[in-house]
């Protein structure tokens, strides 16, 4: 098993209880750099893997493959952890790493622990409120859209489909005992949903 562990923006106090428990529990924790290693050390003895900042796709794939195989040796026998600054599912090395690992070692189970990412961290440190729609980008083409307060998910999905989005996931009361996740096409979505719902839309790749 491989657990992606979100370490938050850098303040040890913003590391979640669930992340701390995972750092203690994992047989081995891997990190991509010294900042992640420093936040992890109170709970474990992390091993740093090298992820050079290169742009060549073939070279990047080779780096991810090498490190995925190292992690898989542990994940196939017990629980391995990979701990990243911010949130492991948002603009993270972990996304690419887990993709390659699952391609090469499909029997490994992968889960992630959410953390405080750059967006809520900057809102707090800048003293601003994000109470209107905004765009977050790394400069690449927009491939995904998230709609908050998705009380009418099918209507939202119909509007997004006209803009080229055709894969949808509806999350209702996520991270609570009442959590419900609906995956599929537009026809799988209900007309109405709870106020605490989010709709994820993606263009087919």
N, C-alpha and C. Protein backbone atom coordinates (compact mmCIF):
# COMPACT_ATOMS: atom_id res chain seq x y z
N UNK A 1 0.84 -1.20 0.00
CA UNK A 1 0.00 0.00 0.00
C UNK A 1 0.88 1.25 0.00
N UNK A 2 0.43 2.27 -0.72
CA UNK A 2 1.13 3.56 -0.74
C UNK A 2 0.17 4.65 -0.28
N UNK A 3 0.59 5.43 0.70
CA UNK A 3 -0.20 6.54 1.20
C UNK A 3 0.48 7.85 0.85
N UNK A 4 -0.23 8.71 0.12
CA UNK A 4 0.27 10.05 -0.16
C UNK A 4 -0.09 10.95 1.01
N UNK A 5 0.92 11.52 1.64
CA UNK A 5 0.73 12.27 2.88
C UNK A 5 0.97 13.76 2.63
N UNK A 6 -0.06 14.57 2.81
CA UNK A 6 0.05 16.02 2.63
C UNK A 6 0.62 16.65 3.90
N UNK A 7 1.67 17.45 3.73
CA UNK A 7 2.35 18.05 4.87
C UNK A 7 1.92 19.49 5.14
N UNK A 8 1.08 20.06 4.28
CA UNK A 8 0.69 21.45 4.46
C UNK A 8 1.73 22.41 3.93
N UNK A 9 1.52 23.72 4.11
CA UNK A 9 2.36 24.73 3.47
C UNK A 9 3.74 24.95 4.08
N UNK A 10 4.01 24.35 5.21
CA UNK A 10 5.33 24.52 5.82
C UNK A 10 5.32 24.75 7.32
N UNK A 11 4.22 25.24 7.84
CA UNK A 11 4.07 25.44 9.28
C UNK A 11 3.76 24.08 9.92
N UNK A 12 4.60 23.60 10.85
CA UNK A 12 4.34 22.30 11.49
C UNK A 12 2.96 22.23 12.15
N UNK A 13 2.44 23.38 12.57
CA UNK A 13 1.13 23.41 13.21
C UNK A 13 -0.01 23.17 12.24
N UNK A 14 0.25 23.28 10.94
CA UNK A 14 -0.78 23.04 9.93
C UNK A 14 -0.72 21.64 9.36
N UNK A 15 0.10 20.78 9.95
CA UNK A 15 0.11 19.35 9.60
C UNK A 15 -1.10 18.70 10.28
N UNK A 16 -1.91 17.98 9.53
CA UNK A 16 -3.12 17.41 10.12
C UNK A 16 -2.80 16.23 11.04
N UNK A 17 -3.72 15.94 11.95
CA UNK A 17 -3.56 14.79 12.84
C UNK A 17 -3.47 13.49 12.03
N UNK A 18 -4.27 13.41 10.98
CA UNK A 18 -4.27 12.20 10.15
C UNK A 18 -2.93 12.02 9.44
N UNK A 19 -2.33 13.12 8.99
CA UNK A 19 -1.02 13.04 8.35
C UNK A 19 0.05 12.60 9.35
N UNK A 20 0.01 13.14 10.55
CA UNK A 20 0.98 12.77 11.58
C UNK A 20 0.87 11.29 11.92
N UNK A 21 -0.35 10.80 12.02
CA UNK A 21 -0.56 9.38 12.32
C UNK A 21 0.00 8.51 11.21
N UNK A 22 -0.17 8.92 9.96
CA UNK A 22 0.34 8.15 8.83
C UNK A 22 1.86 8.14 8.80
N UNK A 23 2.48 9.28 9.11
CA UNK A 23 3.94 9.34 9.15
C UNK A 23 4.50 8.37 10.19
N UNK A 24 3.81 8.25 11.30
CA UNK A 24 4.25 7.31 12.35
C UNK A 24 4.00 5.86 11.96
N UNK A 25 2.91 5.63 11.24
CA UNK A 25 2.46 4.27 10.95
C UNK A 25 3.21 3.61 9.80
N UNK A 26 3.59 4.38 8.80
CA UNK A 26 4.18 3.80 7.59
C UNK A 26 5.51 3.10 7.88
N UNK A 27 5.69 2.00 7.20
CA UNK A 27 6.94 1.24 7.33
C UNK A 27 8.13 2.08 6.87
N UNK A 28 7.93 2.85 5.80
CA UNK A 28 8.96 3.74 5.28
C UNK A 28 8.28 4.94 4.65
N UNK A 29 8.83 6.14 4.92
CA UNK A 29 8.30 7.37 4.34
C UNK A 29 9.34 7.97 3.41
N UNK A 30 8.92 8.23 2.18
CA UNK A 30 9.79 8.85 1.19
C UNK A 30 9.37 10.31 1.01
N UNK A 31 10.35 11.18 0.75
CA UNK A 31 10.07 12.60 0.53
C UNK A 31 10.86 13.09 -0.67
N UNK A 32 10.40 14.19 -1.31
CA UNK A 32 11.08 14.69 -2.49
C UNK A 32 12.11 15.79 -2.23
N UNK A 33 12.27 16.20 -0.96
CA UNK A 33 13.22 17.27 -0.69
C UNK A 33 13.36 17.55 0.79
N UNK A 34 14.26 18.48 1.12
CA UNK A 34 14.61 18.73 2.52
C UNK A 34 13.46 19.37 3.31
N UNK A 35 12.68 20.23 2.67
CA UNK A 35 11.58 20.87 3.40
C UNK A 35 10.58 19.83 3.87
N UNK A 36 10.25 18.88 3.01
CA UNK A 36 9.35 17.80 3.39
C UNK A 36 9.99 16.89 4.43
N UNK A 37 11.28 16.66 4.29
CA UNK A 37 11.99 15.81 5.26
C UNK A 37 11.97 16.43 6.65
N UNK A 38 12.18 17.75 6.71
CA UNK A 38 12.22 18.44 8.00
C UNK A 38 10.87 18.35 8.73
N UNK A 39 9.78 18.50 7.99
CA UNK A 39 8.46 18.41 8.60
C UNK A 39 8.12 16.99 9.03
N UNK A 40 8.72 16.00 8.36
CA UNK A 40 8.42 14.60 8.65
C UNK A 40 9.23 14.04 9.82
N UNK A 41 10.42 14.59 10.05
CA UNK A 41 11.36 13.99 11.02
C UNK A 41 10.84 13.84 12.45
N UNK A 42 9.95 14.71 12.94
CA UNK A 42 9.44 14.47 14.29
C UNK A 42 8.65 13.16 14.42
N UNK A 43 8.24 12.58 13.28
CA UNK A 43 7.37 11.41 13.31
C UNK A 43 8.00 10.15 12.72
N UNK A 44 9.07 10.31 11.93
CA UNK A 44 9.66 9.15 11.25
C UNK A 44 11.08 9.50 10.79
N UNK A 45 11.70 8.55 10.12
CA UNK A 45 13.03 8.78 9.53
C UNK A 45 12.87 8.74 8.01
N UNK A 46 12.56 9.87 7.40
CA UNK A 46 12.26 9.88 5.96
C UNK A 46 13.49 9.61 5.09
N UNK A 47 13.22 9.05 3.92
CA UNK A 47 14.26 8.84 2.92
C UNK A 47 13.99 9.77 1.75
N UNK A 48 14.98 10.57 1.39
CA UNK A 48 14.81 11.55 0.31
C UNK A 48 15.13 10.92 -1.04
N UNK A 49 14.20 11.07 -1.97
CA UNK A 49 14.40 10.63 -3.34
C UNK A 49 14.68 11.87 -4.21
N UNK A 50 15.47 11.69 -5.25
CA UNK A 50 15.84 12.81 -6.10
C UNK A 50 14.82 13.01 -7.23
N UNK A 51 14.33 14.24 -7.35
CA UNK A 51 13.43 14.62 -8.43
C UNK A 51 13.98 15.89 -9.07
N UNK A 52 14.98 15.78 -9.93
CA UNK A 52 15.59 16.96 -10.57
C UNK A 52 14.56 17.77 -11.34
N UNK A 53 14.72 19.09 -11.34
CA UNK A 53 13.80 19.97 -12.05
C UNK A 53 14.19 20.01 -13.53
N UNK A 54 13.66 19.08 -14.28
CA UNK A 54 13.93 19.01 -15.73
C UNK A 54 12.61 19.11 -16.48
N UNK A 55 12.68 19.48 -17.77
CA UNK A 55 11.47 19.65 -18.56
C UNK A 55 11.29 18.59 -19.64
N UNK A 56 12.34 17.85 -19.95
CA UNK A 56 12.25 16.84 -20.99
C UNK A 56 11.31 15.72 -20.55
N UNK A 57 10.21 15.46 -21.29
CA UNK A 57 9.22 14.45 -20.88
C UNK A 57 9.81 13.06 -20.69
N UNK A 58 10.71 12.65 -21.57
CA UNK A 58 11.31 11.32 -21.46
C UNK A 58 12.17 11.20 -20.22
N UNK A 59 12.90 12.26 -19.91
CA UNK A 59 13.75 12.25 -18.72
C UNK A 59 12.90 12.25 -17.45
N UNK A 60 11.82 13.03 -17.48
CA UNK A 60 10.91 13.04 -16.33
C UNK A 60 10.30 11.67 -16.09
N UNK A 61 9.87 11.02 -17.16
CA UNK A 61 9.27 9.69 -17.04
C UNK A 61 10.26 8.69 -16.45
N UNK A 62 11.53 8.81 -16.86
CA UNK A 62 12.57 7.92 -16.34
C UNK A 62 12.78 8.14 -14.84
N UNK A 63 12.73 9.41 -14.41
CA UNK A 63 12.89 9.73 -12.99
C UNK A 63 11.72 9.17 -12.18
N UNK A 64 10.51 9.39 -12.67
CA UNK A 64 9.32 8.89 -11.97
C UNK A 64 9.34 7.36 -11.91
N UNK A 65 9.77 6.73 -13.00
CA UNK A 65 9.81 5.26 -13.04
C UNK A 65 10.81 4.71 -12.03
N UNK A 66 11.98 5.29 -11.99
CA UNK A 66 13.01 4.83 -11.05
C UNK A 66 12.52 4.95 -9.61
N UNK A 67 11.96 6.10 -9.27
CA UNK A 67 11.50 6.31 -7.90
C UNK A 67 10.25 5.49 -7.58
N UNK A 68 9.39 5.30 -8.57
CA UNK A 68 8.20 4.47 -8.35
C UNK A 68 8.60 3.03 -8.01
N UNK A 69 9.61 2.52 -8.68
CA UNK A 69 10.07 1.16 -8.41
C UNK A 69 10.69 1.03 -7.02
N UNK A 70 11.40 2.08 -6.59
CA UNK A 70 11.97 2.08 -5.24
C UNK A 70 10.86 2.02 -4.19
N UNK A 71 9.85 2.84 -4.38
CA UNK A 71 8.73 2.89 -3.43
C UNK A 71 7.93 1.60 -3.45
N UNK A 72 7.76 1.03 -4.64
CA UNK A 72 6.96 -0.19 -4.79
C UNK A 72 7.55 -1.35 -4.00
N UNK A 73 8.86 -1.39 -3.85
CA UNK A 73 9.49 -2.46 -3.07
C UNK A 73 8.93 -2.50 -1.65
N UNK A 74 8.67 -1.34 -1.10
CA UNK A 74 8.10 -1.26 0.26
C UNK A 74 6.58 -1.43 0.20
N UNK A 75 5.93 -0.76 -0.76
CA UNK A 75 4.47 -0.77 -0.85
C UNK A 75 3.90 -2.16 -1.12
N UNK A 76 4.67 -3.01 -1.79
CA UNK A 76 4.20 -4.36 -2.08
C UNK A 76 4.28 -5.28 -0.87
N UNK A 77 5.05 -4.87 0.14
CA UNK A 77 5.23 -5.69 1.34
C UNK A 77 4.50 -5.15 2.57
N UNK A 78 4.29 -3.84 2.59
CA UNK A 78 3.65 -3.22 3.75
C UNK A 78 3.07 -1.88 3.34
N UNK A 79 3.21 -0.88 4.20
CA UNK A 79 2.69 0.46 3.89
C UNK A 79 3.83 1.44 3.71
N UNK A 80 3.94 1.98 2.51
CA UNK A 80 4.90 3.03 2.21
C UNK A 80 4.18 4.37 2.23
N UNK A 81 4.90 5.42 2.59
CA UNK A 81 4.34 6.76 2.55
C UNK A 81 5.18 7.65 1.65
N UNK A 82 4.52 8.58 0.98
CA UNK A 82 5.23 9.60 0.22
C UNK A 82 4.67 10.93 0.67
N UNK A 83 5.51 11.75 1.31
CA UNK A 83 5.06 12.98 1.94
C UNK A 83 5.52 14.20 1.15
N UNK A 84 4.57 15.09 0.84
CA UNK A 84 4.84 16.28 0.03
C UNK A 84 4.38 17.54 0.75
N UNK A 85 5.06 18.65 0.45
CA UNK A 85 4.59 19.95 0.90
C UNK A 85 3.26 20.26 0.23
N UNK A 86 2.37 20.95 0.95
CA UNK A 86 1.07 21.30 0.41
C UNK A 86 0.13 20.12 0.43
N UNK A 87 -0.60 19.93 -0.65
CA UNK A 87 -1.55 18.84 -0.78
C UNK A 87 -1.07 17.90 -1.89
N UNK A 88 -1.02 16.60 -1.59
CA UNK A 88 -0.43 15.64 -2.53
C UNK A 88 -1.22 15.47 -3.82
N UNK A 89 -2.47 15.94 -3.86
CA UNK A 89 -3.30 15.77 -5.05
C UNK A 89 -3.39 17.04 -5.89
N UNK A 90 -2.69 18.10 -5.49
CA UNK A 90 -2.82 19.39 -6.16
C UNK A 90 -1.45 19.87 -6.66
N UNK A 91 -1.26 19.87 -7.98
CA UNK A 91 0.01 20.29 -8.59
C UNK A 91 1.19 19.62 -7.88
N UNK A 92 1.12 18.32 -7.72
CA UNK A 92 2.08 17.61 -6.88
C UNK A 92 2.85 16.53 -7.64
N UNK A 93 4.09 16.32 -7.22
CA UNK A 93 4.91 15.22 -7.74
C UNK A 93 4.20 13.88 -7.52
N UNK A 94 3.44 13.78 -6.45
CA UNK A 94 2.80 12.52 -6.11
C UNK A 94 1.83 12.05 -7.19
N UNK A 95 1.16 12.98 -7.85
CA UNK A 95 0.21 12.60 -8.90
C UNK A 95 0.90 11.83 -10.02
N UNK A 96 2.04 12.34 -10.48
CA UNK A 96 2.79 11.67 -11.54
C UNK A 96 3.40 10.36 -11.04
N UNK A 97 3.92 10.41 -9.82
CA UNK A 97 4.57 9.24 -9.24
C UNK A 97 3.60 8.08 -9.08
N UNK A 98 2.41 8.36 -8.55
CA UNK A 98 1.43 7.30 -8.33
C UNK A 98 0.90 6.76 -9.65
N UNK A 99 0.78 7.62 -10.67
CA UNK A 99 0.34 7.16 -11.99
C UNK A 99 1.31 6.12 -12.54
N UNK A 100 2.60 6.44 -12.49
CA UNK A 100 3.61 5.51 -13.01
C UNK A 100 3.65 4.24 -12.16
N UNK A 101 3.58 4.39 -10.85
CA UNK A 101 3.63 3.23 -9.96
C UNK A 101 2.48 2.27 -10.25
N UNK A 102 1.27 2.80 -10.45
CA UNK A 102 0.12 1.94 -10.72
C UNK A 102 0.21 1.27 -12.09
N UNK A 103 0.84 1.93 -13.03
CA UNK A 103 1.03 1.32 -14.34
C UNK A 103 1.97 0.12 -14.25
N UNK A 104 3.00 0.25 -13.43
CA UNK A 104 4.04 -0.78 -13.33
C UNK A 104 3.74 -1.81 -12.24
N UNK A 105 2.98 -1.39 -11.23
CA UNK A 105 2.67 -2.27 -10.10
C UNK A 105 1.18 -2.12 -9.75
N UNK A 106 0.30 -2.60 -10.61
CA UNK A 106 -1.15 -2.37 -10.44
C UNK A 106 -1.75 -2.98 -9.18
N UNK A 107 -1.05 -3.89 -8.53
CA UNK A 107 -1.60 -4.50 -7.32
C UNK A 107 -1.45 -3.62 -6.09
N UNK A 108 -0.68 -2.55 -6.20
CA UNK A 108 -0.47 -1.65 -5.05
C UNK A 108 -1.71 -0.78 -4.86
N UNK A 109 -2.23 -0.76 -3.65
CA UNK A 109 -3.35 0.12 -3.31
C UNK A 109 -2.81 1.50 -2.95
N UNK A 110 -3.45 2.54 -3.48
CA UNK A 110 -3.00 3.91 -3.24
C UNK A 110 -4.12 4.72 -2.61
N UNK A 111 -3.78 5.44 -1.53
CA UNK A 111 -4.74 6.37 -0.94
C UNK A 111 -4.01 7.68 -0.64
N UNK A 112 -4.77 8.75 -0.45
CA UNK A 112 -4.17 10.04 -0.15
C UNK A 112 -4.80 10.67 1.08
N UNK A 113 -4.01 11.50 1.75
CA UNK A 113 -4.49 12.26 2.90
C UNK A 113 -4.44 13.74 2.52
N UNK A 114 -5.58 14.38 2.53
CA UNK A 114 -5.66 15.78 2.13
C UNK A 114 -4.94 16.68 3.13
N UNK A 115 -4.46 17.82 2.62
CA UNK A 115 -3.76 18.75 3.49
C UNK A 115 -4.06 20.20 3.12
N UNK A 116 -3.50 21.12 3.87
CA UNK A 116 -3.67 22.55 3.60
C UNK A 116 -2.78 22.90 2.41
N UNK A 117 -3.41 23.27 1.30
CA UNK A 117 -2.67 23.59 0.09
C UNK A 117 -2.33 25.06 -0.03
N UNK A 118 -1.75 25.43 -1.17
CA UNK A 118 -1.27 26.79 -1.38
C UNK A 118 -2.40 27.82 -1.38
N UNK A 119 -3.57 27.45 -1.91
CA UNK A 119 -4.65 28.43 -2.03
C UNK A 119 -5.19 28.87 -0.67
N UNK A 120 -5.61 27.96 0.22
CA UNK A 120 -6.05 28.43 1.54
C UNK A 120 -4.92 29.05 2.35
N UNK A 121 -3.68 28.58 2.13
CA UNK A 121 -2.54 29.15 2.84
C UNK A 121 -2.32 30.61 2.44
N UNK A 122 -2.36 30.88 1.13
CA UNK A 122 -2.13 32.26 0.69
C UNK A 122 -3.27 33.18 1.14
N UNK A 123 -4.50 32.67 1.13
CA UNK A 123 -5.63 33.49 1.58
C UNK A 123 -5.45 33.91 3.03
N UNK A 124 -4.96 32.97 3.84
CA UNK A 124 -4.73 33.27 5.25
C UNK A 124 -3.59 34.27 5.43
N UNK A 125 -2.47 34.03 4.76
CA UNK A 125 -1.29 34.88 4.93
C UNK A 125 -1.46 36.25 4.29
N UNK A 126 -2.24 36.33 3.20
CA UNK A 126 -2.47 37.61 2.54
C UNK A 126 -3.57 38.41 3.21
N UNK A 127 -4.35 37.74 4.09
CA UNK A 127 -5.45 38.42 4.75
C UNK A 127 -6.59 38.75 3.81
N UNK A 128 -6.88 37.81 2.89
CA UNK A 128 -7.95 38.03 1.92
C UNK A 128 -8.99 36.93 2.02
N UNK A 129 -10.19 37.21 1.54
CA UNK A 129 -11.24 36.21 1.51
C UNK A 129 -11.54 35.81 0.08
N UNK A 130 -11.55 34.53 -0.19
CA UNK A 130 -11.85 34.03 -1.53
C UNK A 130 -13.34 33.70 -1.61
N UNK A 131 -14.14 34.75 -1.69
CA UNK A 131 -15.59 34.57 -1.64
C UNK A 131 -16.26 34.70 -3.01
N UNK A 132 -15.46 34.85 -4.06
CA UNK A 132 -15.96 34.88 -5.43
C UNK A 132 -15.15 33.88 -6.25
N UNK A 133 -15.60 33.57 -7.45
CA UNK A 133 -14.89 32.61 -8.30
C UNK A 133 -13.50 33.13 -8.65
N UNK A 134 -12.55 32.21 -8.75
CA UNK A 134 -11.18 32.58 -9.09
C UNK A 134 -10.54 31.45 -9.88
N UNK A 135 -9.43 31.75 -10.52
CA UNK A 135 -8.72 30.77 -11.34
C UNK A 135 -7.36 30.48 -10.72
N UNK A 136 -7.02 29.19 -10.65
CA UNK A 136 -5.69 28.76 -10.22
C UNK A 136 -5.06 28.03 -11.39
N UNK A 137 -3.84 28.41 -11.78
CA UNK A 137 -3.23 27.81 -12.97
C UNK A 137 -1.72 27.74 -12.83
N UNK A 138 -1.12 26.74 -13.49
CA UNK A 138 0.33 26.68 -13.60
C UNK A 138 0.78 27.14 -14.99
N UNK A 139 -0.15 27.73 -15.73
CA UNK A 139 0.17 28.22 -17.05
C UNK A 139 -0.24 27.29 -18.18
N UNK A 140 -0.62 26.06 -17.84
CA UNK A 140 -1.04 25.10 -18.86
C UNK A 140 -2.51 25.31 -19.20
N UNK A 141 -2.98 24.64 -20.25
CA UNK A 141 -4.37 24.75 -20.67
C UNK A 141 -5.29 24.23 -19.57
N UNK A 142 -6.42 24.91 -19.39
CA UNK A 142 -7.38 24.49 -18.36
C UNK A 142 -8.04 23.18 -18.80
N UNK A 143 -7.82 22.15 -18.01
CA UNK A 143 -8.29 20.81 -18.33
C UNK A 143 -9.40 20.35 -17.38
N UNK A 144 -9.50 21.00 -16.22
CA UNK A 144 -10.44 20.59 -15.19
C UNK A 144 -11.13 21.82 -14.60
N UNK A 145 -12.36 21.62 -14.15
CA UNK A 145 -13.13 22.68 -13.50
C UNK A 145 -13.78 22.10 -12.25
N UNK A 146 -13.81 22.88 -11.18
CA UNK A 146 -14.48 22.47 -9.95
C UNK A 146 -15.55 23.52 -9.63
N UNK A 147 -16.74 23.06 -9.40
CA UNK A 147 -17.84 23.95 -9.03
C UNK A 147 -18.25 23.66 -7.58
N UNK A 148 -18.21 24.70 -6.76
CA UNK A 148 -18.63 24.60 -5.38
C UNK A 148 -20.14 24.77 -5.28
N UNK A 149 -20.70 24.39 -4.12
CA UNK A 149 -22.14 24.57 -3.86
C UNK A 149 -22.97 24.02 -5.01
N UNK A 150 -22.66 22.79 -5.39
CA UNK A 150 -23.29 22.18 -6.56
C UNK A 150 -24.67 21.63 -6.22
N UNK A 151 -25.60 22.51 -5.91
CA UNK A 151 -26.95 22.09 -5.52
C UNK A 151 -27.77 21.63 -6.72
N UNK A 152 -27.38 22.05 -7.93
CA UNK A 152 -28.05 21.59 -9.15
C UNK A 152 -26.99 21.01 -10.10
N UNK A 153 -26.45 19.85 -9.72
CA UNK A 153 -25.30 19.31 -10.45
C UNK A 153 -25.55 18.98 -11.92
N UNK A 154 -26.74 18.50 -12.25
CA UNK A 154 -26.97 18.13 -13.65
C UNK A 154 -26.99 19.38 -14.54
N UNK A 155 -27.62 20.45 -14.07
CA UNK A 155 -27.64 21.70 -14.84
C UNK A 155 -26.23 22.24 -14.99
N UNK A 156 -25.43 22.19 -13.92
CA UNK A 156 -24.04 22.63 -14.00
C UNK A 156 -23.27 21.81 -15.03
N UNK A 157 -23.49 20.50 -15.00
CA UNK A 157 -22.79 19.60 -15.92
C UNK A 157 -23.21 19.85 -17.37
N UNK A 158 -24.48 20.15 -17.59
CA UNK A 158 -24.96 20.46 -18.94
C UNK A 158 -24.26 21.69 -19.49
N UNK A 159 -24.11 22.72 -18.64
CA UNK A 159 -23.42 23.95 -19.07
C UNK A 159 -21.95 23.67 -19.37
N UNK A 160 -21.32 22.85 -18.54
CA UNK A 160 -19.90 22.53 -18.74
C UNK A 160 -19.69 21.65 -19.97
N UNK A 161 -20.65 20.78 -20.25
CA UNK A 161 -20.54 19.91 -21.43
C UNK A 161 -20.50 20.74 -22.71
N UNK A 162 -21.24 21.82 -22.73
CA UNK A 162 -21.24 22.71 -23.89
C UNK A 162 -19.89 23.39 -24.08
N UNK A 163 -19.08 23.40 -23.02
CA UNK A 163 -17.74 24.01 -23.09
C UNK A 163 -16.65 22.97 -23.30
N UNK A 164 -17.07 21.70 -23.54
CA UNK A 164 -16.09 20.68 -23.87
C UNK A 164 -15.72 19.73 -22.75
N UNK A 165 -16.37 19.85 -21.59
CA UNK A 165 -16.10 18.95 -20.48
C UNK A 165 -17.08 17.78 -20.52
N UNK A 166 -16.56 16.57 -20.35
CA UNK A 166 -17.45 15.41 -20.51
C UNK A 166 -17.25 14.30 -19.49
N UNK A 167 -16.36 14.48 -18.51
CA UNK A 167 -16.23 13.52 -17.41
C UNK A 167 -16.57 14.25 -16.12
N UNK A 168 -17.43 13.64 -15.30
CA UNK A 168 -17.93 14.34 -14.11
C UNK A 168 -17.86 13.45 -12.87
N UNK A 169 -17.56 14.10 -11.74
CA UNK A 169 -17.63 13.45 -10.43
C UNK A 169 -18.32 14.41 -9.47
N UNK A 170 -19.34 13.94 -8.80
CA UNK A 170 -20.05 14.73 -7.81
C UNK A 170 -19.70 14.22 -6.42
N UNK A 171 -19.25 15.12 -5.56
CA UNK A 171 -18.95 14.77 -4.18
C UNK A 171 -19.92 15.44 -3.24
N UNK A 172 -20.54 14.67 -2.36
CA UNK A 172 -21.53 15.19 -1.42
C UNK A 172 -21.03 14.97 0.00
N UNK A 173 -20.92 16.07 0.77
CA UNK A 173 -20.46 16.02 2.17
C UNK A 173 -19.15 15.22 2.28
N UNK A 174 -18.17 15.59 1.47
CA UNK A 174 -16.90 14.87 1.47
C UNK A 174 -16.22 14.93 2.83
N UNK A 175 -15.51 13.87 3.15
CA UNK A 175 -14.74 13.74 4.39
C UNK A 175 -15.62 13.74 5.64
N UNK A 176 -16.88 13.36 5.49
CA UNK A 176 -17.77 13.19 6.63
C UNK A 176 -18.35 11.78 6.57
N UNK A 177 -18.99 11.33 7.65
CA UNK A 177 -19.62 9.99 7.62
C UNK A 177 -20.71 9.86 6.57
N UNK A 178 -21.27 11.00 6.11
CA UNK A 178 -22.33 10.97 5.09
C UNK A 178 -21.79 11.12 3.67
N UNK A 179 -20.47 11.00 3.50
CA UNK A 179 -19.87 11.21 2.19
C UNK A 179 -20.48 10.30 1.12
N UNK A 180 -20.72 10.90 -0.04
CA UNK A 180 -21.20 10.14 -1.20
C UNK A 180 -20.50 10.67 -2.44
N UNK A 181 -20.00 9.77 -3.28
CA UNK A 181 -19.31 10.15 -4.51
C UNK A 181 -20.02 9.48 -5.69
N UNK A 182 -20.39 10.28 -6.67
CA UNK A 182 -21.05 9.77 -7.88
C UNK A 182 -20.15 10.06 -9.07
N UNK A 183 -19.71 9.01 -9.75
CA UNK A 183 -18.84 9.15 -10.92
C UNK A 183 -19.60 8.75 -12.18
N UNK A 184 -19.27 9.39 -13.29
CA UNK A 184 -19.89 8.96 -14.54
C UNK A 184 -20.12 10.10 -15.50
N UNK A 185 -21.09 9.92 -16.36
CA UNK A 185 -21.41 10.92 -17.37
C UNK A 185 -22.53 11.81 -16.85
N UNK A 186 -22.94 12.74 -17.66
CA UNK A 186 -23.95 13.72 -17.26
C UNK A 186 -25.23 13.05 -16.77
N UNK A 187 -25.67 11.97 -17.44
CA UNK A 187 -26.91 11.31 -17.08
C UNK A 187 -26.90 10.63 -15.73
N UNK A 188 -25.70 10.42 -15.16
CA UNK A 188 -25.61 9.77 -13.85
C UNK A 188 -25.81 10.75 -12.70
N UNK A 189 -25.82 12.04 -12.99
CA UNK A 189 -25.90 13.05 -11.94
C UNK A 189 -27.35 13.38 -11.58
N UNK A 190 -27.63 13.61 -10.30
CA UNK A 190 -29.00 13.97 -9.90
C UNK A 190 -29.32 15.41 -10.26
N UNK A 191 -30.59 15.71 -10.31
CA UNK A 191 -31.02 17.09 -10.59
C UNK A 191 -30.64 18.02 -9.45
N UNK A 192 -30.83 17.54 -8.21
CA UNK A 192 -30.55 18.36 -7.04
C UNK A 192 -29.60 17.63 -6.09
N UNK A 193 -28.86 18.42 -5.32
CA UNK A 193 -27.93 17.84 -4.36
C UNK A 193 -27.80 18.76 -3.14
N UNK A 194 -27.13 18.25 -2.13
CA UNK A 194 -26.93 18.99 -0.88
C UNK A 194 -26.09 20.25 -1.11
N UNK A 195 -26.26 21.25 -0.25
CA UNK A 195 -25.46 22.48 -0.33
C UNK A 195 -23.97 22.18 -0.27
N UNK A 196 -23.59 21.20 0.53
CA UNK A 196 -22.17 20.85 0.68
C UNK A 196 -21.78 19.80 -0.38
N UNK A 197 -21.93 20.21 -1.63
CA UNK A 197 -21.59 19.35 -2.76
C UNK A 197 -20.61 20.08 -3.67
N UNK A 198 -19.73 19.30 -4.29
CA UNK A 198 -18.79 19.86 -5.26
C UNK A 198 -18.85 19.01 -6.53
N UNK A 199 -18.76 19.67 -7.67
CA UNK A 199 -18.78 18.99 -8.95
C UNK A 199 -17.44 19.17 -9.63
N UNK A 200 -16.84 18.05 -10.03
CA UNK A 200 -15.57 18.06 -10.75
C UNK A 200 -15.83 17.68 -12.19
N UNK A 201 -15.28 18.44 -13.12
CA UNK A 201 -15.47 18.17 -14.56
C UNK A 201 -14.11 18.17 -15.24
N UNK A 202 -13.93 17.26 -16.19
CA UNK A 202 -12.67 17.16 -16.90
C UNK A 202 -12.91 16.85 -18.37
N UNK A 203 -12.05 17.37 -19.20
CA UNK A 203 -12.08 17.01 -20.62
C UNK A 203 -11.45 15.63 -20.77
N UNK A 204 -12.00 14.79 -21.65
CA UNK A 204 -11.43 13.46 -21.88
C UNK A 204 -10.04 13.59 -22.46
N UNK A 205 -9.12 12.73 -22.00
CA UNK A 205 -7.74 12.78 -22.46
C UNK A 205 -7.49 11.72 -23.51
